[in-house]
Amino acid sequence: MRLSDIAKVIRSKNAGPRCTTLDIMFATEADYQRVVDSNKITEALVAKLYDHPIENVKIIHYPVAMALKVVIPRKVTAGDPGDRDVYGAQQHARMFGIEI
């Protein structure tokens, strides 16, 4: 099963001009717990998917909200020359295919 099959919402957005957050939200506590227990969404995997050093990746668990938040630095500051996604809203697709 892929992450996109079990998550209710997978989205990305800016967290200030220099960071992007990837939000993964679930409809049920069971779905959230299944993904957490799988230990598939790791700093190492995100670092590989987004070509960042592992120490630049932070994963925050929000069990009350049945959500995970992944924070990564932007390679280009939002709005700077060369920025192709000023809102950080098109970065989440790489997460869809993660096998759970």
PDB file of N, CA and C in Angstrom:
ATOM      1  N   MET A   1       0.838  -1.165   0.000  1.00  0.00           N
ATOM      2  CA  MET A   1       0.000   0.000   0.000  1.00  0.00           C
ATOM      3  C   MET A   1       0.894   1.243   0.000  1.00  0.00           C
ATOM      4  N   ARG A   2       0.530   2.202  -0.827  1.00  0.00           N
ATOM      5  CA  ARG A   2       1.280   3.458  -0.892  1.00  0.00           C
ATOM      6  C   ARG A   2       0.718   4.466   0.106  1.00  0.00           C
ATOM      7  N   LEU A   3       1.552   5.416   0.480  1.00  0.00           N
ATOM      8  CA  LEU A   3       1.126   6.459   1.400  1.00  0.00           C
ATOM      9  C   LEU A   3      -0.102   7.187   0.864  1.00  0.00           C
ATOM     10  N   SER A   4      -0.140   7.435  -0.433  1.00  0.00           N
ATOM     11  CA  SER A   4      -1.280   8.150  -1.022  1.00  0.00           C
ATOM     12  C   SER A   4      -2.580   7.352  -0.909  1.00  0.00           C
ATOM     13  N   ASP A   5      -2.504   6.045  -0.698  1.00  0.00           N
ATOM     14  CA  ASP A   5      -3.699   5.215  -0.530  1.00  0.00           C
ATOM     15  C   ASP A   5      -4.258   5.283   0.892  1.00  0.00           C
ATOM     16  N   ILE A   6      -3.439   5.623   1.849  1.00  0.00           N
ATOM     17  CA  ILE A   6      -3.858   5.580   3.253  1.00  0.00           C
ATOM     18  C   ILE A   6      -4.023   6.983   3.872  1.00  0.00           C
ATOM     19  N   ALA A   7      -3.299   7.966   3.375  1.00  0.00           N
ATOM     20  CA  ALA A   7      -3.389   9.322   3.926  1.00  0.00           C
ATOM     21  C   ALA A   7      -4.605  10.049   3.358  1.00  0.00           C
ATOM     22  N   LYS A   8      -5.257  10.809   4.199  1.00  0.00           N
ATOM     23  CA  LYS A   8      -6.388  11.625   3.753  1.00  0.00           C
ATOM     24  C   LYS A   8      -5.884  12.861   3.016  1.00  0.00           C
ATOM     25  N   VAL A   9      -4.806  13.448   3.531  1.00  0.00           N
ATOM     26  CA  VAL A   9      -4.229  14.661   2.941  1.00  0.00           C
ATOM     27  C   VAL A   9      -2.714  14.520   2.935  1.00  0.00           C
ATOM     28  N   ILE A  10      -2.103  14.848   1.809  1.00  0.00           N
ATOM     29  CA  ILE A  10      -0.649  15.005   1.710  1.00  0.00           C
ATOM     30  C   ILE A  10      -0.459  16.330   0.994  1.00  0.00           C
ATOM     31  N   ARG A  11       0.168  17.275   1.657  1.00  0.00           N
ATOM     32  CA  ARG A  11       0.328  18.600   1.048  1.00  0.00           C
ATOM     33  C   ARG A  11       1.658  19.200   1.469  1.00  0.00           C
ATOM     34  N   SER A  12       2.062  20.209   0.730  1.00  0.00           N
ATOM     35  CA  SER A  12       3.275  20.947   1.079  1.00  0.00           C
ATOM     36  C   SER A  12       2.955  22.434   1.056  1.00  0.00           C
ATOM     37  N   LYS A  13       3.751  23.176   1.832  1.00  0.00           N
ATOM     38  CA  LYS A  13       3.591  24.631   1.871  1.00  0.00           C
ATOM     39  C   LYS A  13       4.842  25.231   2.494  1.00  0.00           C
ATOM     40  N   ASN A  14       5.003  26.511   2.298  1.00  0.00           N
ATOM     41  CA  ASN A  14       6.117  27.200   2.924  1.00  0.00           C
ATOM     42  C   ASN A  14       5.929  27.266   4.426  1.00  0.00           C
ATOM     43  N   ALA A  15       7.035  27.210   5.113  1.00  0.00           N
ATOM     44  CA  ALA A  15       7.082  27.490   6.548  1.00  0.00           C
ATOM     45  C   ALA A  15       8.084  28.627   6.676  1.00  0.00           C
ATOM     46  N   GLY A  16       7.677  29.782   6.247  1.00  0.00           N
ATOM     47  CA  GLY A  16       8.591  30.906   6.110  1.00  0.00           C
ATOM     48  C   GLY A  16       9.262  30.838   4.748  1.00  0.00           C
ATOM     49  N   PRO A  17      10.104  31.772   4.426  1.00  0.00           N
ATOM     50  CA  PRO A  17      10.714  31.816   3.093  1.00  0.00           C
ATOM     51  C   PRO A  17      11.809  30.789   2.857  1.00  0.00           C
ATOM     52  N   ARG A  18      12.291  30.131   3.925  1.00  0.00           N
ATOM     53  CA  ARG A  18      13.446  29.238   3.771  1.00  0.00           C
ATOM     54  C   ARG A  18      13.175  27.775   4.083  1.00  0.00           C
ATOM     55  N   CYS A  19      11.944  27.438   4.470  1.00  0.00           N
ATOM     56  CA  CYS A  19      11.608  26.045   4.779  1.00  0.00           C
ATOM     57  C   CYS A  19      10.305  25.646   4.113  1.00  0.00           C
ATOM     58  N   THR A  20      10.190  24.363   3.853  1.00  0.00           N
ATOM     59  CA  THR A  20       8.955  23.766   3.337  1.00  0.00           C
ATOM     60  C   THR A  20       8.484  22.729   4.340  1.00  0.00           C
ATOM     61  N   THR A  21       7.177  22.668   4.557  1.00  0.00           N
ATOM     62  CA  THR A  21       6.623  21.599   5.375  1.00  0.00           C
ATOM     63  C   THR A  21       5.801  20.690   4.491  1.00  0.00           C
ATOM     64  N   LEU A  22       5.880  19.423   4.794  1.00  0.00           N
ATOM     65  CA  LEU A  22       5.076  18.401   4.138  1.00  0.00           C
ATOM     66  C   LEU A  22       4.149  17.857   5.213  1.00  0.00           C
ATOM     67  N   ASP A  23       2.859  18.065   5.038  1.00  0.00           N
ATOM     68  CA  ASP A  23       1.872  17.617   6.020  1.00  0.00           C
ATOM     69  C   ASP A  23       1.218  16.339   5.520  1.00  0.00           C
ATOM     70  N   ILE A  24       1.159  15.350   6.399  1.00  0.00           N
ATOM     71  CA  ILE A  24       0.519  14.075   6.085  1.00  0.00           C
ATOM     72  C   ILE A  24      -0.528  13.845   7.158  1.00  0.00           C
ATOM     73  N   MET A  25      -1.803  13.818   6.751  1.00  0.00           N
ATOM     74  CA  MET A  25      -2.904  13.696   7.701  1.00  0.00           C
ATOM     75  C   MET A  25      -3.748  12.465   7.384  1.00  0.00           C
ATOM     76  N   PHE A  26      -4.321  11.889   8.414  1.00  0.00           N
ATOM     77  CA  PHE A  26      -5.055  10.638   8.285  1.00  0.00           C
ATOM     78  C   PHE A  26      -6.481  10.799   8.785  1.00  0.00           C
ATOM     79  N   ALA A  27      -7.388   9.993   8.233  1.00  0.00           N
ATOM     80  CA  ALA A  27      -8.801  10.053   8.609  1.00  0.00           C
ATOM     81  C   ALA A  27      -9.073   9.325   9.915  1.00  0.00           C
ATOM     82  N   THR A  28      -8.259   8.318  10.209  1.00  0.00           N
ATOM     83  CA  THR A  28      -8.500   7.535  11.422  1.00  0.00           C
ATOM     84  C   THR A  28      -7.208   7.369  12.209  1.00  0.00           C
ATOM     85  N   GLU A  29      -7.373   7.148  13.491  1.00  0.00           N
ATOM     86  CA  GLU A  29      -6.223   6.887  14.346  1.00  0.00           C
ATOM     87  C   GLU A  29      -5.512   5.606  13.919  1.00  0.00           C
ATOM     88  N   ALA A  30      -6.278   4.622  13.463  1.00  0.00           N
ATOM     89  CA  ALA A  30      -5.693   3.355  13.014  1.00  0.00           C
ATOM     90  C   ALA A  30      -4.782   3.571  11.805  1.00  0.00           C
ATOM     91  N   ASP A  31      -5.209   4.408  10.858  1.00  0.00           N
ATOM     92  CA  ASP A  31      -4.378   4.691   9.684  1.00  0.00           C
ATOM     93  C   ASP A  31      -3.097   5.417  10.097  1.00  0.00           C
ATOM     94  N   TYR A  32      -3.240   6.408  10.963  1.00  0.00           N
ATOM     95  CA  TYR A  32      -2.073   7.135  11.463  1.00  0.00           C
ATOM     96  C   TYR A  32      -1.097   6.174  12.138  1.00  0.00           C
ATOM     97  N   GLN A  33      -1.617   5.347  13.023  1.00  0.00           N
ATOM     98  CA  GLN A  33      -0.767   4.433  13.773  1.00  0.00           C
ATOM     99  C   GLN A  33      -0.110   3.403  12.853  1.00  0.00           C
ATOM    100  N   ARG A  34      -0.813   2.973  11.840  1.00  0.00           N
ATOM    101  CA  ARG A  34      -0.243   2.010  10.884  1.00  0.00           C
ATOM    102  C   ARG A  34       0.988   2.596  10.202  1.00  0.00           C
ATOM    103  N   VAL A  35       0.886   3.850   9.793  1.00  0.00           N
ATOM    104  CA  VAL A  35       2.020   4.492   9.126  1.00  0.00           C
ATOM    105  C   VAL A  35       3.164   4.711  10.111  1.00  0.00           C
ATOM    106  N   VAL A  36       2.863   5.184  11.305  1.00  0.00           N
ATOM    107  CA  VAL A  36       3.911   5.395  12.314  1.00  0.00           C
ATOM    108  C   VAL A  36       4.597   4.074  12.647  1.00  0.00           C
ATOM    109  N   ASP A  37       3.801   3.026  12.875  1.00  0.00           N
ATOM    110  CA  ASP A  37       4.362   1.726  13.232  1.00  0.00           C
ATOM    111  C   ASP A  37       5.191   1.106  12.103  1.00  0.00           C
ATOM    112  N   SER A  38       4.883   1.470  10.873  1.00  0.00           N
ATOM    113  CA  SER A  38       5.638   0.923   9.738  1.00  0.00           C
ATOM    114  C   SER A  38       7.075   1.436   9.717  1.00  0.00           C
ATOM    115  N   ASN A  39       7.310   2.596  10.338  1.00  0.00           N
ATOM    116  CA  ASN A  39       8.629   3.231  10.365  1.00  0.00           C
ATOM    117  C   ASN A  39       9.197   3.438   8.957  1.00  0.00           C
ATOM    118  N   LYS A  40       8.316   3.719   8.006  1.00  0.00           N
ATOM    119  CA  LYS A  40       8.752   3.934   6.628  1.00  0.00           C
ATOM    120  C   LYS A  40       9.063   5.396   6.335  1.00  0.00           C
ATOM    121  N   ILE A  41       8.413   6.309   7.041  1.00  0.00           N
ATOM    122  CA  ILE A  41       8.667   7.729   6.812  1.00  0.00           C
ATOM    123  C   ILE A  41       9.742   8.150   7.802  1.00  0.00           C
ATOM    124  N   THR A  42      10.963   8.161   7.301  1.00  0.00           N
ATOM    125  CA  THR A  42      12.127   8.450   8.137  1.00  0.00           C
ATOM    126  C   THR A  42      12.882   9.655   7.584  1.00  0.00           C
ATOM    127  N   GLU A  43      13.732  10.216   8.420  1.00  0.00           N
ATOM    128  CA  GLU A  43      14.578  11.316   7.966  1.00  0.00           C
ATOM    129  C   GLU A  43      15.451  10.878   6.803  1.00  0.00           C
ATOM    130  N   ALA A  44      15.940   9.651   6.861  1.00  0.00           N
ATOM    131  CA  ALA A  44      16.802   9.145   5.782  1.00  0.00           C
ATOM    132  C   ALA A  44      16.049   9.072   4.456  1.00  0.00           C
ATOM    133  N   LEU A  45      14.812   8.588   4.487  1.00  0.00           N
ATOM    134  CA  LEU A  45      14.030   8.492   3.254  1.00  0.00           C
ATOM    135  C   LEU A  45      13.726   9.872   2.698  1.00  0.00           C
ATOM    136  N   VAL A  46      13.295  10.789   3.547  1.00  0.00           N
ATOM    137  CA  VAL A  46      12.970  12.142   3.097  1.00  0.00           C
ATOM    138  C   VAL A  46      14.219  12.826   2.557  1.00  0.00           C
ATOM    139  N   ALA A  47      15.345  12.652   3.227  1.00  0.00           N
ATOM    140  CA  ALA A  47      16.601  13.233   2.748  1.00  0.00           C
ATOM    141  C   ALA A  47      16.923  12.736   1.338  1.00  0.00           C
ATOM    142  N   LYS A  48      16.698  11.463   1.111  1.00  0.00           N
ATOM    143  CA  LYS A  48      16.956  10.890  -0.217  1.00  0.00           C
ATOM    144  C   LYS A  48      15.970  11.427  -1.252  1.00  0.00           C
ATOM    145  N   LEU A  49      14.690  11.448  -0.910  1.00  0.00           N
ATOM    146  CA  LEU A  49      13.666  11.915  -1.850  1.00  0.00           C
ATOM    147  C   LEU A  49      13.867  13.370  -2.263  1.00  0.00           C
ATOM    148  N   TYR A  50      14.300  14.192  -1.311  1.00  0.00           N
ATOM    149  CA  TYR A  50      14.411  15.631  -1.561  1.00  0.00           C
ATOM    150  C   TYR A  50      15.850  16.112  -1.690  1.00  0.00           C
ATOM    151  N   ASP A  51      16.792  15.180  -1.751  1.00  0.00           N
ATOM    152  CA  ASP A  51      18.202  15.494  -1.954  1.00  0.00           C
ATOM    153  C   ASP A  51      18.720  16.514  -0.934  1.00  0.00           C
ATOM    154  N   HIS A  52      18.548  16.162   0.343  1.00  0.00           N
ATOM    155  CA  HIS A  52      19.027  16.988   1.451  1.00  0.00           C
ATOM    156  C   HIS A  52      19.876  16.116   2.373  1.00  0.00           C
ATOM    157  N   PRO A  53      20.795  16.715   3.096  1.00  0.00           N
ATOM    158  CA  PRO A  53      21.485  15.956   4.146  1.00  0.00           C
ATOM    159  C   PRO A  53      20.477  15.548   5.217  1.00  0.00           C
ATOM    160  N   ILE A  54      20.650  14.384   5.775  1.00  0.00           N
ATOM    161  CA  ILE A  54      19.710  13.855   6.763  1.00  0.00           C
ATOM    162  C   ILE A  54      19.543  14.800   7.953  1.00  0.00           C
ATOM    163  N   GLU A  55      20.590  15.497   8.326  1.00  0.00           N
ATOM    164  CA  GLU A  55      20.495  16.397   9.478  1.00  0.00           C
ATOM    165  C   GLU A  55      19.615  17.617   9.212  1.00  0.00           C
ATOM    166  N   ASN A  56      19.241  17.855   7.952  1.00  0.00           N
ATOM    167  CA  ASN A  56      18.361  18.971   7.600  1.00  0.00           C
ATOM    168  C   ASN A  56      16.883  18.594   7.607  1.00  0.00           C
ATOM    169  N   VAL A  57      16.584  17.345   7.888  1.00  0.00           N
ATOM    170  CA  VAL A  57      15.197  16.860   7.847  1.00  0.00           C
ATOM    171  C   VAL A  57      14.684  16.680   9.273  1.00  0.00           C
ATOM    172  N   LYS A  58      13.497  17.202   9.526  1.00  0.00           N
ATOM    173  CA  LYS A  58      12.874  17.021  10.838  1.00  0.00           C
ATOM    174  C   LYS A  58      11.467  16.465  10.631  1.00  0.00           C
ATOM    175  N   ILE A  59      11.150  15.393  11.351  1.00  0.00           N
ATOM    176  CA  ILE A  59       9.816  14.801  11.296  1.00  0.00           C
ATOM    177  C   ILE A  59       9.171  14.982  12.670  1.00  0.00           C
ATOM    178  N   ILE A  60       7.982  15.570  12.657  1.00  0.00           N
ATOM    179  CA  ILE A  60       7.258  15.854  13.897  1.00  0.00           C
ATOM    180  C   ILE A  60       5.968  15.038  13.880  1.00  0.00           C
ATOM    181  N   HIS A  61       5.743  14.289  14.946  1.00  0.00           N
ATOM    182  CA  HIS A  61       4.530  13.479  15.082  1.00  0.00           C
ATOM    183  C   HIS A  61       3.487  14.257  15.883  1.00  0.00           C
ATOM    184  N   TYR A  62       2.249  14.290  15.370  1.00  0.00           N
ATOM    185  CA  TYR A  62       1.117  14.918  16.057  1.00  0.00           C
ATOM    186  C   TYR A  62       0.015  13.889  16.225  1.00  0.00           C
ATOM    187  N   PRO A  63       0.131  12.993  17.209  1.00  0.00           N
ATOM    188  CA  PRO A  63      -0.866  11.926  17.348  1.00  0.00           C
ATOM    189  C   PRO A  63      -2.284  12.438  17.610  1.00  0.00           C
ATOM    190  N   VAL A  64      -2.426  13.524  18.342  1.00  0.00           N
ATOM    191  CA  VAL A  64      -3.764  14.050  18.625  1.00  0.00           C
ATOM    192  C   VAL A  64      -4.462  14.475  17.338  1.00  0.00           C
ATOM    193  N   ALA A  65      -3.694  15.000  16.393  1.00  0.00           N
ATOM    194  CA  ALA A  65      -4.244  15.424  15.102  1.00  0.00           C
ATOM    195  C   ALA A  65      -4.156  14.333  14.042  1.00  0.00           C
ATOM    196  N   MET A  66      -3.609  13.179  14.405  1.00  0.00           N
ATOM    197  CA  MET A  66      -3.405  12.064  13.462  1.00  0.00           C
ATOM    198  C   MET A  66      -2.638  12.561  12.230  1.00  0.00           C
ATOM    199  N   ALA A  67      -1.492  13.195  12.489  1.00  0.00           N
ATOM    200  CA  ALA A  67      -0.726  13.815  11.408  1.00  0.00           C
ATOM    201  C   ALA A  67       0.771  13.727  11.662  1.00  0.00           C
ATOM    202  N   LEU A  68       1.502  13.802  10.578  1.00  0.00           N
ATOM    203  CA  LEU A  68       2.957  13.933  10.597  1.00  0.00           C
ATOM    204  C   LEU A  68       3.307  15.217   9.868  1.00  0.00           C
ATOM    205  N   LYS A  69       4.314  15.908  10.341  1.00  0.00           N
ATOM    206  CA  LYS A  69       4.818  17.098   9.662  1.00  0.00           C
ATOM    207  C   LYS A  69       6.293  16.870   9.405  1.00  0.00           C
ATOM    208  N   VAL A  70       6.683  17.060   8.169  1.00  0.00           N
ATOM    209  CA  VAL A  70       8.083  16.926   7.769  1.00  0.00           C
ATOM    210  C   VAL A  70       8.562  18.324   7.387  1.00  0.00           C
ATOM    211  N   VAL A  71       9.681  18.738   7.942  1.00  0.00           N
ATOM    212  CA  VAL A  71      10.231  20.063   7.653  1.00  0.00           C
ATOM    213  C   VAL A  71      11.580  19.899   6.979  1.00  0.00           C
ATOM    214  N   ILE A  72      11.718  20.572   5.828  1.00  0.00           N
ATOM    215  CA  ILE A  72      12.986  20.563   5.090  1.00  0.00           C
ATOM    216  C   ILE A  72      13.307  21.999   4.656  1.00  0.00           C
ATOM    217  N   PRO A  73      14.585  22.314   4.545  1.00  0.00           N
ATOM    218  CA  PRO A  73      14.938  23.649   4.051  1.00  0.00           C
ATOM    219  C   PRO A  73      14.675  23.750   2.551  1.00  0.00           C
ATOM    220  N   ARG A  74      14.309  24.921   2.128  1.00  0.00           N
ATOM    221  CA  ARG A  74      14.177  25.177   0.683  1.00  0.00           C
ATOM    222  C   ARG A  74      15.565  25.338   0.092  1.00  0.00           C
ATOM    223  N   LYS A  75      15.749  24.872  -1.114  1.00  0.00           N
ATOM    224  CA  LYS A  75      17.051  25.044  -1.771  1.00  0.00           C
ATOM    225  C   LYS A  75      17.216  26.467  -2.296  1.00  0.00           C
ATOM    226  N   VAL A  76      16.092  27.107  -2.611  1.00  0.00           N
ATOM    227  CA  VAL A  76      16.074  28.497  -3.058  1.00  0.00           C
ATOM    228  C   VAL A  76      15.060  29.230  -2.184  1.00  0.00           C
ATOM    229  N   THR A  77      15.436  30.362  -1.633  1.00  0.00           N
ATOM    230  CA  THR A  77      14.513  31.138  -0.816  1.00  0.00           C
ATOM    231  C   THR A  77      13.300  31.527  -1.646  1.00  0.00           C
ATOM    232  N   ALA A  78      12.115  31.443  -1.039  1.00  0.00           N
ATOM    233  CA  ALA A  78      10.866  31.761  -1.737  1.00  0.00           C
ATOM    234  C   ALA A  78      10.948  33.152  -2.357  1.00  0.00           C
ATOM    235  N   GLY A  79      10.663  33.212  -3.640  1.00  0.00           N
ATOM    236  CA  GLY A  79      10.643  34.479  -4.360  1.00  0.00           C
ATOM    237  C   GLY A  79      11.958  34.901  -4.960  1.00  0.00           C
ATOM    238  N   ASP A  80      13.043  34.228  -4.616  1.00  0.00           N
ATOM    239  CA  ASP A  80      14.337  34.575  -5.198  1.00  0.00           C
ATOM    240  C   ASP A  80      14.395  34.126  -6.653  1.00  0.00           C
ATOM    241  N   PRO A  81      15.300  34.735  -7.448  1.00  0.00           N
ATOM    242  CA  PRO A  81      15.471  34.271  -8.823  1.00  0.00           C
ATOM    243  C   PRO A  81      15.754  32.765  -8.839  1.00  0.00           C
ATOM    244  N   GLY A  82      15.108  32.059  -9.731  1.00  0.00           N
ATOM    245  CA  GLY A  82      15.285  30.621  -9.830  1.00  0.00           C
ATOM    246  C   GLY A  82      14.256  29.831  -9.050  1.00  0.00           C
ATOM    247  N   ASP A  83      13.448  30.497  -8.235  1.00  0.00           N
ATOM    248  CA  ASP A  83      12.401  29.807  -7.475  1.00  0.00           C
ATOM    249  C   ASP A  83      11.278  29.433  -8.431  1.00  0.00           C
ATOM    250  N   ARG A  84      10.959  28.131  -8.481  1.00  0.00           N
ATOM    251  CA  ARG A  84       9.912  27.649  -9.385  1.00  0.00           C
ATOM    252  C   ARG A  84       8.619  27.314  -8.663  1.00  0.00           C
ATOM    253  N   ASP A  85       8.592  27.482  -7.343  1.00  0.00           N
ATOM    254  CA  ASP A  85       7.388  27.183  -6.568  1.00  0.00           C
ATOM    255  C   ASP A  85       7.362  28.124  -5.369  1.00  0.00           C
ATOM    256  N   VAL A  86       6.985  29.369  -5.607  1.00  0.00           N
ATOM    257  CA  VAL A  86       7.084  30.420  -4.601  1.00  0.00           C
ATOM    258  C   VAL A  86       6.315  30.095  -3.322  1.00  0.00           C
ATOM    259  N   TYR A  87       5.253  29.311  -3.404  1.00  0.00           N
ATOM    260  CA  TYR A  87       4.453  28.975  -2.223  1.00  0.00           C
ATOM    261  C   TYR A  87       4.832  27.627  -1.608  1.00  0.00           C
ATOM    262  N   GLY A  88       5.710  26.893  -2.248  1.00  0.00           N
ATOM    263  CA  GLY A  88       6.088  25.577  -1.752  1.00  0.00           C
ATOM    264  C   GLY A  88       4.956  24.572  -1.853  1.00  0.00           C
ATOM    265  N   ALA A  89       3.972  24.856  -2.686  1.00  0.00           N
ATOM    266  CA  ALA A  89       2.741  24.067  -2.738  1.00  0.00           C
ATOM    267  C   ALA A  89       2.790  22.893  -3.717  1.00  0.00           C
ATOM    268  N   GLN A  90       3.913  22.676  -4.359  1.00  0.00           N
ATOM    269  CA  GLN A  90       3.987  21.600  -5.338  1.00  0.00           C
ATOM    270  C   GLN A  90       5.107  20.623  -5.035  1.00  0.00           C
ATOM    271  N   GLN A  91       5.456  20.487  -3.776  1.00  0.00           N
ATOM    272  CA  GLN A  91       6.587  19.644  -3.398  1.00  0.00           C
ATOM    273  C   GLN A  91       6.192  18.300  -2.810  1.00  0.00           C
ATOM    274  N   HIS A  92       4.944  18.067  -2.572  1.00  0.00           N
ATOM    275  CA  HIS A  92       4.495  16.883  -1.844  1.00  0.00           C
ATOM    276  C   HIS A  92       4.374  15.611  -2.677  1.00  0.00           C
ATOM    277  N   ALA A  93       4.339  15.713  -3.975  1.00  0.00           N
ATOM    278  CA  ALA A  93       4.090  14.536  -4.827  1.00  0.00           C
ATOM    279  C   ALA A  93       5.117  13.416  -4.635  1.00  0.00           C
ATOM    280  N   ARG A  94       6.325  13.758  -4.263  1.00  0.00           N
ATOM    281  CA  ARG A  94       7.352  12.726  -4.059  1.00  0.00           C
ATOM    282  C   ARG A  94       6.981  11.776  -2.922  1.00  0.00           C
ATOM    283  N   MET A  95       6.103  12.209  -2.039  1.00  0.00           N
ATOM    284  CA  MET A  95       5.693  11.396  -0.899  1.00  0.00           C
ATOM    285  C   MET A  95       4.646  10.338  -1.283  1.00  0.00           C
ATOM    286  N   PHE A  96       3.920  10.561  -2.348  1.00  0.00           N
ATOM    287  CA  PHE A  96       2.784   9.702  -2.705  1.00  0.00           C
ATOM    288  C   PHE A  96       3.142   8.216  -2.795  1.00  0.00           C
ATOM    289  N   GLY A  97       4.269   7.907  -3.391  1.00  0.00           N
ATOM    290  CA  GLY A  97       4.615   6.530  -3.688  1.00  0.00           C
ATOM    291  C   GLY A  97       5.316   5.764  -2.577  1.00  0.00           C
ATOM    292  N   ILE A  98       5.491   6.363  -1.408  1.00  0.00           N
ATOM    293  CA  ILE A  98       6.155   5.657  -0.308  1.00  0.00           C
ATOM    294  C   ILE A  98       5.343   4.424   0.040  1.00  0.00           C
ATOM    295  N   GLU A  99       5.994   3.274   0.044  1.00  0.00           N
ATOM    296  CA  GLU A  99       5.321   2.012   0.373  1.00  0.00           C
ATOM    297  C   GLU A  99       5.229   1.868   1.886  1.00  0.00           C
ATOM    298  N   ILE A 100       4.034   1.577   2.339  1.00  0.00           N
ATOM    299  CA  ILE A 100       3.779   1.407   3.776  1.00  0.00           C
ATOM    300  C   ILE A 100       3.587  -0.070   4.046  1.00  0.00           C
TER     301      ILE A 100
END
